[in-house]
Amino acid sequence: MAGEPLDEPKMRFDVGLIAGIPQGDLDEADTSPGINLQFGYTVVPNVGILVGLRYFSVQAQVLEDQGIDLSNYDFDIGGRYSFPVSPTAKAFAEAMLIYSTVAIDAGGMSDSESDIGFGARIGAMFGVSGKISVGGAISYTTANINDADAAWLGLEGFVSFGF
């Protein structure tokens, strides 16, 4: 079954699930689940701007044993370059400026720290029906928060809705 040719919608909304592999000072944690929500706007053919939100629930057995919940979420803004690789597929590369927050919740007490960081994401998407595409991406984000490096290598699957 062949997919539909990909036209470039003026706007898109992506919903993705991420397997986050902790890097930097988070490297003692296990691979952690995450989500990515992203809105994009095509400025000129193949070039767009984006805003998004990524969230990771940090998985670390030592923290879970102590009843501590640790999470990391990012608000991002950036640019995207995409190009067709076939009539039904596009590849893309993104660069982002992120505002990253690490939050901790332990026994009813919570705290968080935030700072600015950077990210990059590359991937491909395949048209499946009308303006709906599915895709996969690899991402890397990093932010130095209170002298600690909160960094993630992300493996993502997503659905993109164009309008």
Protein backbone atom coordinates (compact mmCIF):
# COMPACT_ATOMS: atom_id res chain seq x y z
CA MET A 1 0.00 0.00 0.00
CA ALA A 2 1.60 3.25 -1.14
CA GLY A 3 1.33 6.36 0.99
CA GLU A 4 -0.10 9.66 -0.20
CA PRO A 5 2.21 12.27 -1.77
CA LEU A 6 3.38 14.71 0.88
CA ASP A 7 2.37 18.29 0.30
CA GLU A 8 3.70 20.82 2.75
CA PRO A 9 0.95 22.05 5.06
CA LYS A 10 1.22 25.64 6.25
CA MET A 11 0.83 24.48 9.87
CA ARG A 12 1.32 21.18 11.68
CA PHE A 13 0.85 19.69 15.13
CA ASP A 14 3.05 16.73 16.13
CA VAL A 15 2.42 14.33 19.00
CA GLY A 16 5.30 12.00 19.85
CA LEU A 17 6.42 9.36 22.32
CA ILE A 18 10.09 9.37 23.30
CA ALA A 19 12.49 6.82 24.76
CA GLY A 20 14.89 9.20 26.52
CA ILE A 21 18.44 8.02 27.15
CA PRO A 22 19.89 10.21 29.93
CA GLN A 23 23.20 11.92 29.26
CA GLY A 24 25.43 14.28 31.24
CA ASP A 25 24.68 14.42 34.97
CA LEU A 26 21.50 12.36 34.46
CA ASP A 27 23.48 9.38 33.10
CA GLU A 28 22.91 7.31 36.27
CA ALA A 29 19.18 7.19 35.46
CA ASP A 30 17.57 4.53 33.28
CA THR A 31 16.03 5.02 29.86
CA SER A 32 12.96 7.13 30.61
CA PRO A 33 9.61 7.68 28.88
CA GLY A 34 8.78 11.07 27.44
CA ILE A 35 6.33 12.95 25.27
CA ASN A 36 6.82 15.66 22.69
CA LEU A 37 4.17 18.14 21.55
CA GLN A 38 5.19 20.51 18.78
CA PHE A 39 3.49 23.14 16.63
CA GLY A 40 5.13 24.18 13.37
CA TYR A 41 4.50 26.93 10.85
CA THR A 42 5.97 26.88 7.33
CA VAL A 43 7.45 30.29 6.52
CA VAL A 44 8.68 29.50 2.99
CA PRO A 45 8.81 26.12 1.22
CA ASN A 46 10.96 23.70 3.24
CA VAL A 47 11.68 26.22 6.04
CA GLY A 48 9.59 26.65 9.16
CA ILE A 49 9.53 27.79 12.76
CA LEU A 50 8.41 25.70 15.73
CA VAL A 51 7.40 25.84 19.36
CA GLY A 52 7.09 22.80 21.55
CA LEU A 53 7.02 21.07 24.89
CA ARG A 54 8.97 17.92 25.86
CA TYR A 55 8.52 16.05 29.13
CA PHE A 56 10.51 13.17 30.63
CA SER A 57 9.61 11.17 33.73
CA VAL A 58 13.10 10.30 34.96
CA GLN A 59 13.39 6.61 35.82
CA ALA A 60 15.99 5.76 38.48
CA GLN A 61 15.50 2.86 40.87
CA VAL A 62 17.47 4.51 43.69
CA LEU A 63 15.10 7.51 43.58
CA GLU A 64 11.97 5.39 43.30
CA ASP A 65 13.05 3.34 46.35
CA GLN A 66 13.19 6.59 48.34
CA GLY A 67 9.81 7.82 47.07
CA ILE A 68 11.35 10.61 44.99
CA ASP A 69 9.86 11.66 41.64
CA LEU A 70 12.21 13.46 39.24
CA SER A 71 11.11 14.99 35.94
CA ASN A 72 12.60 17.18 33.23
CA TYR A 73 10.57 19.31 30.87
CA ASP A 74 11.55 21.74 28.13
CA PHE A 75 9.78 24.56 26.35
CA ASP A 76 11.42 25.04 22.98
CA ILE A 77 11.45 27.42 20.03
CA GLY A 78 13.39 26.87 16.87
CA GLY A 79 13.62 26.35 13.16
CA ARG A 80 13.12 23.42 10.79
CA TYR A 81 14.49 22.63 7.36
CA SER A 82 12.74 19.82 5.49
CA PHE A 83 13.20 18.30 2.05
CA PRO A 84 11.44 15.57 0.07
CA VAL A 85 13.21 12.22 -0.25
CA SER A 86 10.39 10.57 -2.23
CA PRO A 87 6.84 11.51 -3.27
CA THR A 88 5.55 10.26 0.10
CA ALA A 89 8.42 11.08 2.48
CA LYS A 90 10.31 14.08 3.84
CA ALA A 91 13.45 14.30 5.93
CA PHE A 92 14.00 17.19 8.35
CA ALA A 93 16.52 18.81 10.67
CA GLU A 94 15.66 21.14 13.55
CA ALA A 95 17.64 23.44 15.84
CA MET A 96 16.07 24.67 19.08
CA LEU A 97 16.63 27.03 21.96
CA ILE A 98 15.12 25.42 25.08
CA TYR A 99 14.05 26.56 28.51
CA SER A 100 14.61 23.42 30.57
CA THR A 101 13.34 22.64 34.08
CA VAL A 102 14.29 19.79 36.39
CA ALA A 103 11.63 19.19 39.06
CA ILE A 104 11.76 16.99 42.14
CA ASP A 105 8.90 15.85 44.36
CA ALA A 106 9.69 14.03 47.60
CA GLY A 107 7.24 13.34 50.40
CA GLY A 108 4.93 16.24 49.55
CA MET A 109 7.77 18.73 49.15
CA SER A 110 8.79 19.90 45.71
CA ASP A 111 11.44 22.08 44.12
CA SER A 112 12.61 22.93 40.62
CA GLU A 113 15.48 24.66 38.84
CA SER A 114 15.49 26.01 35.27
CA ASP A 115 17.89 27.39 32.68
CA ILE A 116 18.44 27.88 28.96
CA GLY A 117 19.83 25.16 26.71
CA PHE A 118 20.05 23.94 23.13
CA GLY A 119 18.71 21.05 21.12
CA ALA A 120 18.76 19.41 17.71
CA ARG A 121 16.45 16.86 16.10
CA ILE A 122 16.66 14.97 12.80
CA GLY A 123 14.14 12.58 11.33
CA ALA A 124 11.77 11.63 8.57
CA MET A 125 8.01 11.56 8.08
CA PHE A 126 5.85 9.52 5.74
CA GLY A 127 2.43 10.54 4.41
CA VAL A 128 -0.26 8.01 5.35
CA SER A 129 -3.57 9.79 4.70
CA GLY A 130 -4.38 13.29 3.54
CA LYS A 131 -2.38 15.65 5.75
CA ILE A 132 -1.55 12.99 8.36
CA SER A 133 2.00 11.66 8.53
CA VAL A 134 3.90 9.30 10.81
CA GLY A 135 7.57 9.62 11.50
CA GLY A 136 10.61 8.96 13.59
CA ALA A 137 13.34 11.20 14.93
CA ILE A 138 16.54 11.28 16.95
CA SER A 139 17.10 14.28 19.19
CA TYR A 140 19.70 15.64 21.57
CA THR A 141 19.05 18.39 24.12
CA THR A 142 21.25 19.83 26.83
CA ALA A 143 20.92 22.55 29.46
CA ASN A 144 23.21 23.49 32.32
CA ILE A 145 20.87 23.78 35.30
CA ASN A 146 22.43 24.87 38.59
CA ASP A 147 25.86 23.57 37.43
CA ALA A 148 24.40 20.19 36.42
CA ASP A 149 24.10 19.04 32.80
CA ALA A 150 20.52 17.88 32.06
CA ALA A 151 20.95 16.21 28.68
CA TRP A 152 18.93 13.65 26.70
CA LEU A 153 19.39 11.53 23.61
CA GLY A 154 15.84 10.88 22.43
CA LEU A 155 14.44 8.21 20.11
CA GLU A 156 10.97 9.30 19.03
CA GLY A 157 7.98 8.08 17.07
CA PHE A 158 5.33 10.67 16.22
CA VAL A 159 2.15 11.47 14.32
CA SER A 160 1.94 14.79 12.49
CA PHE A 161 -1.35 16.50 11.68
CA GLY A 162 -1.15 19.15 8.95
CA PHE A 163 -3.68 21.92 8.48
